[in-house]
Protein backbone atom coordinates (compact mmCIF):
# COMPACT_ATOMS: atom_id res chain seq x y z
CA MET A 1 98.95 131.03 178.93
CA ASN A 2 101.90 132.50 177.16
CA ILE A 3 104.17 130.08 178.97
CA TYR A 4 101.89 127.16 177.92
CA ARG A 5 101.86 128.27 174.39
CA GLY A 6 105.60 128.71 174.50
CA GLN A 7 106.06 125.18 175.81
CA GLY A 8 103.71 123.95 173.07
CA HIS A 9 105.99 125.54 170.52
CA VAL A 10 108.97 123.85 172.04
CA MET A 11 107.21 120.46 171.93
CA SER A 12 106.14 121.01 168.31
CA ASP A 13 109.72 121.79 167.17
CA ARG A 14 111.02 118.68 168.85
CA THR A 15 108.37 116.60 167.19
CA CYS A 16 109.31 118.05 163.79
CA ARG A 17 112.98 117.32 164.37
CA PHE A 18 112.17 113.74 165.42
CA PHE A 19 110.00 113.28 162.36
CA LEU A 20 112.74 114.61 160.05
CA ILE A 21 115.33 112.34 161.67
CA ALA A 22 113.02 109.33 161.19
CA ILE A 23 112.54 110.21 157.53
CA ALA A 24 116.30 110.52 157.08
CA LEU A 25 116.86 107.13 158.71
CA LEU A 26 114.24 105.53 156.46
CA PHE A 27 115.88 107.10 153.43
CA ILE A 28 119.28 105.78 154.51
CA LEU A 29 117.80 102.34 155.05
CA ALA A 30 116.20 102.47 151.59
CA LEU A 31 119.56 103.35 150.08
CA CYS A 32 121.25 100.54 151.96
CA GLN A 33 118.61 97.95 151.09
CA PRO A 34 119.60 97.44 147.39
CA ALA A 35 123.21 96.97 148.49
CA SER A 36 122.18 94.12 150.81
CA ALA A 37 120.11 92.56 147.98
CA ALA A 38 122.62 93.23 145.18
CA ALA A 39 122.38 91.20 141.93
CA ARG A 40 123.96 87.74 142.27
CA ASP A 41 127.12 87.07 140.25
CA VAL A 42 126.76 83.91 138.15
CA LYS A 43 129.80 82.63 136.26
CA ILE A 44 128.77 80.80 133.07
CA ALA A 45 130.97 78.96 130.56
CA VAL A 46 131.07 80.11 126.92
CA PRO A 47 132.48 77.30 124.68
CA GLU A 48 132.30 77.55 120.90
CA LEU A 49 129.28 75.43 119.82
CA ARG A 50 127.60 77.52 117.12
CA PRO A 51 124.66 78.20 116.95
CA MET A 52 123.88 77.12 120.53
CA VAL A 53 126.62 79.20 122.18
CA PHE A 54 129.55 81.09 120.66
CA THR A 55 131.39 84.43 120.54
CA ASP A 56 130.20 86.78 117.78
CA GLU A 57 132.27 89.11 115.60
CA GLN A 58 132.12 91.88 118.25
CA GLY A 59 133.51 89.51 120.89
CA ASN A 60 130.19 89.17 122.73
CA PRO A 61 128.55 85.89 123.81
CA ALA A 62 125.75 84.87 121.44
CA GLY A 63 123.57 81.90 120.61
CA MET A 64 120.30 80.27 121.56
CA PHE A 65 121.37 79.34 125.11
CA VAL A 66 122.90 82.79 125.67
CA ASP A 67 119.58 84.48 124.79
CA ILE A 68 117.72 82.17 127.20
CA LEU A 69 120.10 82.80 130.10
CA GLU A 70 120.14 86.57 129.59
CA ASP A 71 116.33 86.61 129.74
CA ILE A 72 116.35 84.50 132.92
CA ALA A 73 119.03 86.75 134.43
CA VAL A 74 116.81 89.81 134.00
CA LYS A 75 113.89 88.05 135.70
CA GLU A 76 115.97 86.56 138.55
CA GLY A 77 118.32 89.49 139.17
CA TRP A 78 121.53 87.71 138.14
CA ASN A 79 124.73 89.43 137.09
CA ILE A 80 126.19 87.08 134.46
CA ILE A 81 129.96 86.80 134.22
CA TRP A 82 130.83 85.03 130.96
CA VAL A 83 133.90 82.78 131.10
CA ARG A 84 135.27 81.82 127.67
CA GLY A 85 137.15 78.57 127.02
CA SER A 86 137.05 75.26 125.21
CA LEU A 87 134.45 72.65 126.12
CA SER A 88 136.97 70.49 127.99
CA GLU A 89 138.28 73.54 129.89
CA SER A 90 134.70 74.48 130.83
CA TRP A 91 134.05 71.02 132.30
CA ASP A 92 137.27 71.25 134.34
CA ARG A 93 136.28 74.69 135.65
CA LEU A 94 132.83 73.46 136.61
CA ALA A 95 134.34 70.51 138.50
CA SER A 96 136.74 72.81 140.42
CA GLY A 97 134.02 75.39 141.20
CA ASP A 98 135.63 78.16 139.13
CA ILE A 99 132.32 78.58 137.27
CA ASP A 100 128.72 78.10 138.40
CA LEU A 101 126.96 76.85 135.27
CA ILE A 102 127.54 75.20 131.87
CA MET A 103 124.87 75.12 129.15
CA GLY A 104 123.80 72.95 126.21
CA VAL A 105 125.21 69.65 127.48
CA ALA A 106 123.92 66.07 127.66
CA ASP A 107 123.84 64.09 130.88
CA THR A 108 125.55 60.70 131.15
CA PRO A 109 125.84 58.26 134.09
CA GLU A 110 129.48 59.30 134.54
CA ARG A 111 128.64 63.03 134.55
CA GLN A 112 125.76 62.54 136.99
CA LYS A 113 128.31 61.42 139.58
CA LEU A 114 130.04 64.84 139.44
CA TYR A 115 127.33 67.31 138.45
CA ASP A 116 123.63 68.12 138.86
CA PHE A 117 121.52 68.69 135.74
CA SER A 118 118.32 70.59 135.02
CA HIS A 119 115.20 68.46 134.70
CA GLU A 120 113.63 70.28 131.74
CA PRO A 121 115.40 69.72 128.37
CA ALA A 122 116.08 72.89 126.44
CA LEU A 123 116.59 71.20 123.05
CA SER A 124 116.83 67.77 121.38
CA ALA A 125 119.57 66.65 119.00
CA TRP A 126 121.46 63.56 117.83
CA SER A 127 125.05 62.61 117.03
CA GLN A 128 125.90 62.98 113.33
CA VAL A 129 128.92 61.88 111.28
CA TYR A 130 130.13 64.41 108.65
CA ALA A 131 132.65 63.63 105.89
CA PRO A 132 133.90 65.03 102.57
CA GLY A 133 131.71 64.31 99.55
CA GLY A 134 132.27 60.91 97.93
CA SER A 135 133.80 59.44 101.10
CA GLY A 136 131.76 56.23 100.75
CA ILE A 137 130.87 56.32 104.47
CA ASN A 138 127.33 54.94 104.73
CA THR A 139 127.44 52.72 107.85
CA ILE A 140 129.48 52.49 111.04
CA LEU A 141 131.46 49.61 109.48
CA ASP A 142 132.73 51.98 106.74
CA LEU A 143 134.71 53.85 109.45
CA ASP A 144 136.95 50.85 110.15
CA GLY A 145 140.57 51.96 109.75
CA LYS A 146 139.53 55.64 109.38
CA ARG A 147 140.60 58.77 111.28
CA VAL A 148 137.76 60.46 113.16
CA ALA A 149 138.00 64.00 114.59
CA LEU A 150 136.30 64.64 117.97
CA LEU A 151 135.75 67.68 120.20
CA LYS A 152 137.42 67.30 123.60
CA GLY A 153 134.91 66.90 126.42
CA ASP A 154 132.01 66.35 124.01
CA VAL A 155 129.49 63.58 124.78
CA ASN A 156 129.35 62.72 121.05
CA GLY A 157 132.94 61.53 121.22
CA ILE A 158 132.20 59.39 124.30
CA GLU A 159 129.16 57.76 122.68
CA PHE A 160 130.95 57.22 119.35
CA ARG A 161 133.82 55.37 121.08
CA ASN A 162 131.24 53.05 122.71
CA TYR A 163 129.44 52.66 119.36
CA ALA A 164 132.68 51.74 117.54
CA LYS A 165 133.67 49.30 120.29
CA LYS A 166 130.37 47.40 119.92
CA PHE A 167 131.14 46.73 116.25
CA ASP A 168 134.80 45.91 116.89
CA ILE A 169 136.09 48.46 114.38
CA ASN A 170 139.53 50.07 114.56
CA VAL A 171 139.33 53.88 114.54
CA THR A 172 142.08 56.48 115.03
CA TYR A 173 140.76 59.37 117.13
CA ILE A 174 141.94 62.96 116.70
CA GLU A 175 140.79 65.25 119.56
CA MET A 176 140.77 69.05 119.31
CA ASP A 177 139.62 71.95 121.49
CA SER A 178 137.26 73.70 119.05
CA LEU A 179 134.49 72.82 116.62
CA ASP A 180 136.20 74.83 113.86
CA GLY A 181 139.36 72.83 114.52
CA VAL A 182 137.78 69.39 113.95
CA PHE A 183 135.93 70.52 110.81
CA SER A 184 138.91 72.32 109.27
CA ALA A 185 141.15 69.31 109.98
CA THR A 186 138.70 67.00 108.21
CA ALA A 187 138.34 69.38 105.25
CA ALA A 188 142.15 69.53 104.98
CA GLY A 189 142.44 65.73 104.85
CA LYS A 190 143.97 65.31 108.32
CA ALA A 191 140.89 63.30 109.34
CA ASP A 192 138.40 61.23 107.34
CA ALA A 193 135.26 62.20 109.29
CA VAL A 194 134.02 64.30 112.23
CA VAL A 195 131.41 63.49 114.87
CA THR A 196 129.32 66.14 116.65
CA PHE A 197 125.73 67.10 117.44
CA SER A 198 123.58 67.67 114.35
CA LEU A 199 122.62 71.20 115.43
CA ALA A 200 126.20 72.29 116.10
CA GLY A 201 127.62 70.62 113.01
CA GLU A 202 125.25 71.82 110.29
CA GLN A 203 126.67 75.33 109.93
CA SER A 204 130.30 74.17 110.26
CA ALA A 205 129.74 71.45 107.64
CA ASN A 206 128.44 74.05 105.16
CA LYS A 207 131.31 76.37 106.00
CA TYR A 208 134.03 73.75 105.33
CA GLY A 209 132.33 71.92 102.45
CA LEU A 210 131.55 68.68 104.30
CA SER A 211 128.38 66.58 103.96
CA GLU A 212 126.32 64.74 106.52
CA THR A 213 126.44 60.96 106.11
CA THR A 214 123.69 58.44 106.85
CA VAL A 215 125.51 57.47 110.07
CA MET A 216 123.58 58.97 112.99
CA PHE A 217 123.09 57.74 116.54
CA ASN A 218 122.68 58.77 120.20
CA PRO A 219 119.46 60.86 120.25
CA SER A 220 119.95 63.22 123.22
CA SER A 221 118.35 66.09 125.11
CA LEU A 222 120.47 69.12 126.04
CA PHE A 223 120.42 70.49 129.60
CA PHE A 224 122.18 72.88 131.99
CA ALA A 225 124.67 71.58 134.61
CA VAL A 226 126.08 72.84 137.95
CA PRO A 227 128.57 71.32 140.43
CA GLU A 228 127.02 68.51 142.47
CA GLY A 229 125.04 69.82 145.46
CA LYS A 230 125.56 73.51 144.53
CA ASN A 231 123.58 76.26 142.79
CA GLN A 232 120.30 74.36 142.93
CA ASP A 233 118.43 77.69 142.78
CA LEU A 234 119.92 78.29 139.31
CA LEU A 235 118.55 74.97 138.03
CA THR A 236 115.16 75.61 139.67
CA ALA A 237 114.86 79.01 137.95
CA ILE A 238 115.94 77.52 134.58
CA ASP A 239 113.48 74.58 134.81
CA ARG A 240 110.64 76.97 135.71
CA TYR A 241 111.49 79.26 132.81
CA LEU A 242 111.66 76.42 130.26
CA ALA A 243 108.46 74.74 131.47
CA GLU A 244 106.52 77.99 131.24
CA GLY A 245 108.07 78.97 127.89
CA LYS A 246 107.37 75.71 126.08
CA GLY A 247 103.67 75.94 126.73
CA ASN A 248 103.39 79.54 125.51
CA PRO A 249 103.94 80.19 121.76
CA SER A 250 104.48 83.90 122.44
CA SER A 251 107.04 83.39 125.24
CA ALA A 252 110.62 84.60 125.02
CA TYR A 253 111.75 80.94 124.85
CA SER A 254 109.54 80.30 121.80
CA GLN A 255 110.78 83.48 120.15
CA THR A 256 114.37 82.39 120.80
CA MET A 257 113.73 78.99 119.20
CA GLN A 258 112.11 80.73 116.21
CA LYS A 259 115.07 83.09 115.91
CA TRP A 260 117.80 80.42 115.86
CA PHE A 261 116.11 77.34 114.43
CA GLY A 262 112.87 78.48 112.82
CA MET A 263 110.67 76.49 115.25
CA LYS A 264 108.52 77.43 118.20
CA GLY A 265 108.12 76.13 121.72
CA GLU A 266 108.10 72.37 121.96
CA SER A 267 108.93 71.98 118.24
CA GLY A 268 112.54 71.84 119.43
CA VAL A 269 111.75 68.56 121.14
CA ILE A 270 111.06 65.68 118.76
CA PRO A 271 107.78 63.84 119.63
CA SER A 272 108.22 60.75 121.78
CA TYR A 273 106.66 58.38 119.25
CA ILE A 274 109.27 59.42 116.67
CA TRP A 275 112.02 58.69 119.25
CA TRP A 276 110.45 55.29 119.90
CA GLY A 277 110.19 54.54 116.19
CA LEU A 278 113.78 55.57 115.55
CA GLY A 279 114.90 53.58 118.56
CA VAL A 280 113.17 50.42 117.35
CA ILE A 281 114.61 50.74 113.83
CA ALA A 282 118.07 51.55 115.17
CA GLY A 283 117.91 48.60 117.54
CA LEU A 284 116.87 46.19 114.80
CA ALA A 285 119.54 47.56 112.47
CA VAL A 286 122.23 47.22 115.18
CA LEU A 287 121.05 43.66 115.89
CA PHE A 288 121.12 42.79 112.19
CA VAL A 289 124.59 44.24 111.58
CA THR A 290 125.99 42.78 114.82
CA MET A 291 124.70 39.27 114.21
CA SER A 292 125.80 39.33 110.56
CA PHE A 293 129.25 40.55 111.62
CA LEU A 294 129.60 37.87 114.31
CA LEU A 295 128.42 35.05 112.05
CA ARG A 296 130.66 36.17 109.21
CA ARG A 297 133.62 36.26 111.57
CA GLU A 298 132.77 32.76 112.78
CA VAL A 299 132.51 31.50 109.19
CA LYS A 300 135.89 33.04 108.38
CA LYS A 301 137.38 31.42 111.47
CA LYS A 302 136.01 27.99 110.50
CA THR A 303 137.20 28.45 106.92
CA ALA A 304 140.69 29.35 108.10
CA GLU A 305 140.68 26.34 110.41
CA LEU A 306 139.67 24.06 107.53
CA SER A 307 142.39 25.57 105.35
CA ARG A 308 144.99 24.91 108.04
CA GLN A 309 143.80 21.35 108.43
CA ASN A 310 143.81 20.85 104.67
CA ALA A 311 147.37 22.15 104.49
CA ALA A 312 148.37 19.82 107.31
CA LEU A 313 146.66 16.95 105.51
CA GLN A 314 148.49 17.72 102.28
CA SER A 315 151.76 17.89 104.18
CA GLU A 316 150.98 14.55 105.77
CA VAL A 317 150.19 12.99 102.38
CA ALA A 318 153.48 14.30 101.01
CA ARG A 319 155.35 12.85 103.96
CA ARG A 320 153.63 9.48 103.51
CA THR A 321 154.54 9.53 99.82
CA ARG A 322 158.18 9.93 100.76
CA VAL A 323 157.81 7.10 103.20
CA GLU A 324 156.34 4.86 100.49
CA LYS A 325 159.29 5.62 98.20
CA GLU A 326 161.65 4.82 101.01
CA LEU A 327 159.83 1.53 101.59
CA VAL A 328 160.24 0.62 97.89
CA ARG A 329 163.98 1.12 98.24
CA LYS A 330 164.03 -0.87 101.45
CA ASN A 331 162.39 -4.13 100.48
CA GLU A 332 163.53 -5.73 103.74
CA GLU A 333 161.21 -3.38 105.67
CA LEU A 334 158.19 -4.15 103.50
CA TYR A 335 156.09 -5.63 106.30
CA ALA A 336 156.67 -2.70 108.65
CA ALA A 337 155.91 -0.33 105.81
CA TYR A 338 152.64 -2.16 105.12
CA GLU A 339 151.50 -1.72 108.74
CA GLN A 340 152.45 1.93 108.63
CA LEU A 341 150.45 2.44 105.46
CA THR A 342 147.44 0.77 107.09
CA ALA A 343 147.70 3.15 110.03
CA THR A 344 148.06 6.05 107.62
CA GLU A 345 144.91 5.00 105.78
CA GLU A 346 142.95 4.93 109.02
CA GLU A 347 144.25 8.36 110.00
CA LEU A 348 143.37 9.77 106.60
CA ARG A 349 139.89 8.28 106.90
CA GLU A 350 139.42 9.94 110.30
CA ASN A 351 140.69 13.23 108.92
CA TYR A 352 138.33 12.94 105.98
CA GLN A 353 135.41 12.21 108.30
CA GLU A 354 136.36 15.17 110.48
CA LEU A 355 136.60 17.37 107.39
CA SER A 356 133.16 16.15 106.29
CA ARG A 357 131.67 16.96 109.69
CA LYS A 358 133.11 20.45 109.64
CA GLU A 359 131.92 20.97 106.09
CA GLN A 360 128.43 19.97 107.25
CA ALA A 361 128.73 22.37 110.19
CA LEU A 362 129.74 25.13 107.76
CA ARG A 363 126.65 24.43 105.62
CA GLN A 364 124.46 24.54 108.73
CA ALA A 365 126.04 27.85 109.78
CA ARG A 366 125.32 29.33 106.34
CA LYS A 367 121.76 28.03 106.47
CA LYS A 368 121.25 29.67 109.87
CA LEU A 369 122.85 32.87 108.62
CA ASN A 370 120.43 32.96 105.68
CA LEU A 371 117.50 32.29 108.02
CA LEU A 372 118.66 35.01 110.40
CA ASN A 373 119.08 37.48 107.53
CA MET A 374 115.60 36.63 106.22
CA LEU A 375 113.91 37.00 109.62
CA THR A 376 115.86 40.13 110.52
CA GLY A 377 115.13 41.64 107.09
CA GLN A 378 111.41 40.97 107.54
CA GLU A 379 111.45 42.59 110.99
CA ILE A 380 113.32 45.63 109.68
CA GLN A 381 110.92 45.98 106.72
CA ASN A 382 107.97 45.74 109.14
CA GLY A 383 109.58 48.43 111.27
CA LEU A 384 110.24 50.59 108.19
CA PHE A 385 106.60 50.24 107.16
CA SER A 386 105.38 51.23 110.62
CA LEU A 387 107.77 54.16 110.86
CA SER A 388 106.73 55.37 107.39
CA GLY A 389 103.16 55.40 108.63
CA TYR A 390 104.11 57.37 111.71
CA ILE A 391 105.98 59.89 109.57
CA GLU A 392 102.92 60.37 107.35
CA LEU A 393 100.76 60.80 110.46
CA ALA A 394 103.23 63.35 111.79
CA LYS A 395 103.04 65.29 108.49
CA GLU A 396 99.25 65.36 108.71
CA GLY A 397 99.40 66.37 112.39
CA GLY A 398 99.99 70.03 111.62
CA CYS A 399 103.76 70.38 112.02
CA ASP A 400 105.65 73.37 110.63
CA GLU A 401 107.69 73.45 107.41
CA THR A 402 111.02 72.71 109.13
CA ALA A 403 109.62 69.62 110.79
CA ARG A 404 108.03 68.54 107.48
CA THR A 405 111.43 68.90 105.80
CA TYR A 406 113.05 66.72 108.44
CA LEU A 407 110.23 64.18 108.14
CA ALA A 408 110.66 64.13 104.35
CA LYS A 409 114.38 63.48 104.75
CA GLY A 410 113.55 60.70 107.17
CA GLY A 411 111.22 59.19 104.56
CA GLU A 412 114.01 59.31 101.96
CA ILE A 413 116.35 57.51 104.36
CA LEU A 414 113.70 54.82 104.97
CA ARG A 415 113.28 54.25 101.23
CA SER A 416 117.05 54.03 100.84
CA VAL A 417 117.23 51.45 103.63
CA ASP A 418 114.37 49.46 102.03
CA ASN A 419 116.17 49.41 98.64
CA THR A 420 119.38 48.30 100.34
CA LEU A 421 117.56 45.47 102.10
CA ARG A 422 116.13 44.27 98.78
CA PHE A 423 119.58 44.35 97.20
CA VAL A 424 121.08 42.45 100.18
CA LYS A 425 118.34 39.80 99.84
CA ASN A 426 119.18 39.24 96.14
CA TYR A 427 122.92 39.25 96.84
CA GLN A 428 122.42 36.76 99.69
CA ASP A 429 120.50 34.33 97.45
CA MET A 430 123.19 34.49 94.76
CA GLY A 431 125.27 31.30 94.74
CA SER A 432 123.26 29.63 97.51
CA ASN A 433 122.11 26.87 95.10
CA PRO A 434 124.23 24.88 92.60
CA PRO A 435 124.33 26.02 88.93
CA LYS A 436 122.16 24.28 86.32
CA TRP A 437 121.42 24.27 82.56
CA HIS A 438 119.00 26.98 81.38
CA ASP A 439 116.98 27.22 78.16
CA ILE A 440 117.73 30.83 77.11
CA ASN A 441 114.49 31.24 75.14
CA TYR A 442 112.44 30.22 78.19
CA VAL A 443 114.49 32.46 80.49
CA VAL A 444 113.98 35.52 78.26
CA ILE A 445 110.22 34.95 77.90
CA THR A 446 109.86 34.52 81.66
CA ALA A 447 111.87 37.72 82.26
CA LEU A 448 109.67 39.69 79.82
CA SER A 449 106.55 38.54 81.69
CA HIS A 450 107.62 40.66 84.68
CA MET A 451 107.54 43.98 82.82
CA ASP A 452 105.55 46.06 80.34
CA PHE A 453 107.28 45.51 76.97
CA SER A 454 104.17 46.15 74.84
CA HIS A 455 105.60 49.28 73.18
CA ILE A 456 108.91 47.63 72.23
CA SER A 457 109.22 45.03 69.45
CA ARG A 458 111.42 41.98 70.02
CA ILE A 459 113.58 39.99 67.55
CA MET A 460 114.88 36.72 69.02
CA ASP A 461 117.30 34.42 67.16
CA LEU A 462 118.68 32.13 69.87
CA ASP A 463 117.79 28.70 68.38
CA ASN A 464 117.62 26.23 71.29
CA LEU A 465 120.70 27.54 73.10
CA GLU A 466 121.26 26.46 76.73
CA ILE A 467 123.93 27.72 79.13
CA TYR A 468 125.22 26.49 82.48
CA ALA A 469 124.67 29.26 85.08
CA ASP A 470 123.42 30.19 88.54
CA PRO A 471 119.66 29.61 89.20
CA MET A 472 119.25 33.43 89.36
CA LEU A 473 120.02 33.75 85.60
CA GLU A 474 116.48 35.05 84.97
CA LYS A 475 117.32 38.07 87.20
CA VAL A 476 120.20 38.92 84.81
CA PHE A 477 117.86 39.28 81.80
CA VAL A 478 115.24 41.12 83.91
CA ASN A 479 117.84 43.74 84.91
CA ILE A 480 119.23 44.15 81.36
CA LEU A 481 115.78 44.46 79.75
CA GLU A 482 114.57 46.82 82.50
CA ASN A 483 117.56 49.02 81.62
CA VAL A 484 116.07 49.40 78.11
CA ILE A 485 112.74 50.59 79.59
CA ARG A 486 114.26 52.92 82.19
CA HIS A 487 117.19 54.45 80.32
CA GLY A 488 116.65 53.66 76.62
CA ALA A 489 114.48 56.69 75.96
CA GLY A 490 112.89 56.37 72.51
CA ALA A 491 113.91 52.72 72.04
CA ASP A 492 111.22 50.71 70.23
CA ARG A 493 113.18 47.58 69.23
CA VAL A 494 115.27 44.97 71.07
CA THR A 495 117.26 42.21 69.32
CA LEU A 496 118.50 39.05 71.07
CA GLN A 497 120.89 36.79 69.13
CA TYR A 498 124.15 34.89 69.58
CA ARG A 499 127.57 34.76 67.95
CA GLN A 500 129.93 31.77 68.13
CA ASN A 501 133.62 32.41 68.84
CA PRO A 502 136.67 30.09 68.82
CA ASP A 503 136.71 29.99 72.63
CA GLY A 504 133.00 30.27 73.43
CA ILE A 505 129.72 31.93 72.49
CA THR A 506 128.45 35.50 72.89
CA ILE A 507 124.80 36.39 73.55
CA LEU A 508 123.98 39.88 72.18
CA ILE A 509 121.17 42.10 73.55
CA GLU A 510 120.80 45.32 71.49
CA ASP A 511 118.33 48.23 71.41
CA ASN A 512 117.96 51.33 69.22
CA GLY A 513 117.85 53.84 72.07
CA PRO A 514 120.31 56.68 72.82
CA GLY A 515 123.04 54.28 73.98
CA ILE A 516 125.47 54.67 76.86
CA PRO A 517 128.26 57.30 76.93
CA ALA A 518 131.76 55.88 76.54
CA ALA A 519 132.80 57.18 79.96
CA ASP A 520 129.98 55.25 81.66
CA LYS A 521 130.33 51.88 79.94
CA GLU A 522 132.16 50.33 82.89
CA LYS A 523 130.72 52.55 85.63
CA ILE A 524 127.19 51.21 85.09
CA PHE A 525 128.36 47.88 86.51
CA GLU A 526 129.74 49.45 89.71
CA ARG A 527 127.85 49.28 93.00
CA GLY A 528 128.60 52.94 93.72
CA TYR A 529 126.89 53.96 90.45
CA ALA A 530 123.53 52.81 91.87
CA GLU A 531 122.15 56.34 92.32
CA LYS A 532 121.70 56.59 88.52
CA THR A 533 120.97 53.03 87.40
CA GLY A 534 120.15 51.04 90.52
CA SER A 535 122.09 47.95 91.55
CA GLY A 536 120.67 45.68 88.80
CA LEU A 537 123.63 45.62 86.39
CA PHE A 538 126.10 45.18 89.26
CA LEU A 539 124.06 42.21 90.48
CA ALA A 540 123.75 40.79 86.92
CA ARG A 541 127.52 40.73 86.45
CA GLU A 542 127.99 39.13 89.90
CA ILE A 543 125.46 36.35 89.13
CA LEU A 544 127.12 35.50 85.80
CA SER A 545 130.64 35.52 87.28
CA ILE A 546 129.76 32.56 89.53
CA THR A 547 130.16 30.20 86.54
CA GLY A 548 132.86 32.21 84.74
CA ILE A 549 130.49 34.11 82.42
CA SER A 550 131.32 37.78 81.67
CA LEU A 551 129.11 40.80 80.91
CA LYS A 552 130.04 44.09 79.21
CA GLU A 553 128.44 46.94 77.22
CA THR A 554 129.84 47.60 73.72
CA GLY A 555 127.16 49.73 72.04
CA GLU A 556 127.87 52.91 70.06
CA PRO A 557 126.68 56.09 71.85
CA GLY A 558 123.77 57.65 69.98
CA LYS A 559 122.87 54.42 68.16
CA GLY A 560 121.80 52.17 71.00
CA ALA A 561 123.06 50.00 73.85
CA ARG A 562 124.55 46.52 73.25
CA PHE A 563 125.17 44.10 76.11
CA GLU A 564 127.44 41.12 75.42
CA ILE A 565 127.25 37.97 77.59
CA PHE A 566 130.29 35.79 76.89
CA VAL A 567 129.90 32.08 77.79
CA PRO A 568 133.16 30.10 77.71
CA GLU A 569 133.58 26.76 75.95
CA GLY A 570 131.96 23.88 77.85
CA ASP A 571 129.27 26.04 79.54
CA TYR A 572 126.82 26.16 76.61
CA ARG A 573 125.10 23.59 74.40
CA PHE A 574 122.43 22.96 71.78
CA PRO A 575 120.28 20.01 72.95
CA GLU A 576 119.40 18.93 69.39
CA ASN A 577 123.08 18.01 68.99
CA GLY A 578 123.00 15.38 71.70
CA ASN A 579 122.81 17.55 74.82
CA ASP A 580 126.58 17.95 74.76
CA PRO A 581 128.33 21.32 74.93
CA THR A 582 129.58 22.40 71.53
């Protein structure tokens, strides 16, 4: 029994040792397990595209995309290695495999051949043109002959080159490696404008004192990219994170959007119907500008061709005149000269007929141009009306304050476009019909019928004066009298009379309002002064100039405005004196 118990003790000790060894092995395996599943190193590019991605004052990566990736890294067990460099350097490193991921980029057909992109957009933006204040850049055509600064490797530069090529404008491109570089160069006068994404450019524009223009294009979504066929697990994790975050207002993604842009979740993605509306308006505007540009170029070409032919014809006439003189001196060659003159007459007749045909073709081209402008203008106005309705619906749909601000700015742009279209329509009609004689009394009464002049007394002493002017003369008096209502605060009397001069006659339109400051007397007739007075006075002066009539303001500030319309001799008359100009 003692031996049995002794053997039992021996067996028990061995069992304990075996059990301790097994525990030690399990502990060693547990220690080794994390090493075999160590955090994955992920190399990610850090270009300078504030506020999406940039390096802060402490030298650390920061920005909306950085916050998103750091949150994903915690969930997926990544060890992020940030690789700083310019945007163009980052693309080169991604292509060579020196980095694994680049963030906040747009996909293009060319890039899709080299890289794979995430499916879920992280943010929406558009290309925006920024310029110094007072640059006069309002359309893509205003950039013809200008210097435009671009960020190397940026999709905005690629799309802007294509955009400029479509309109056949000549632009000098200045490429730089950093966003600060392109904005500082423009602020210093080394470039006339800069093109970048709206989100990335807003802070830099404020920093360097630049303003956003009305030139915007290329609505885009921003994604993540990896080398083609590699790192698909990174894109899968990013797409899953974004899809889950957009649908959850309390998610880390929504909090990140709120932190950097003041919007939550899917507010960062503009609704599809707004994209469609903007696309339709942009398409119609591009069509309108393109067709107008092409037709104007064709008209210029035909005009130049007619001028060349006219010069050749004049040269031919001069040569024939010399021939005739030579024939007079050479009486013996009279018969031959007669035949030559007959041939010349036939040639001149053919040239005249050809000139008449081309003149008819030119009239037809202008008629088609006017029809195209009218139809295109109607389509654009219909589109503007529809888009205005969609914007109002979007405001009532419960969007946040930031979105309402953007929608309000969009509404202001639509109203500006509508006013421009109305001005273009009036300017297009100007000079399209031949001038005629106008009864000034009738013109003024008709003009007054279009406005509320009940609180202003009128003194008219124009006799039965008539002047020879464009059919749009009534628009001239409408614009001048509307100026009294809009800007003649306190005016309660308007006087219309005329004064005869040695070389013509002057029609005077005076009120007893505050008048016009001396510094503005000529500016009010400029197109660029339209923000204060509208385009009416500019258009009035243009209409009168067709028949050589001038318009100026000569009133005394503080005592009232006085507009003087000078009609030269031969372009006015008093019918009671025989319907002849006096």
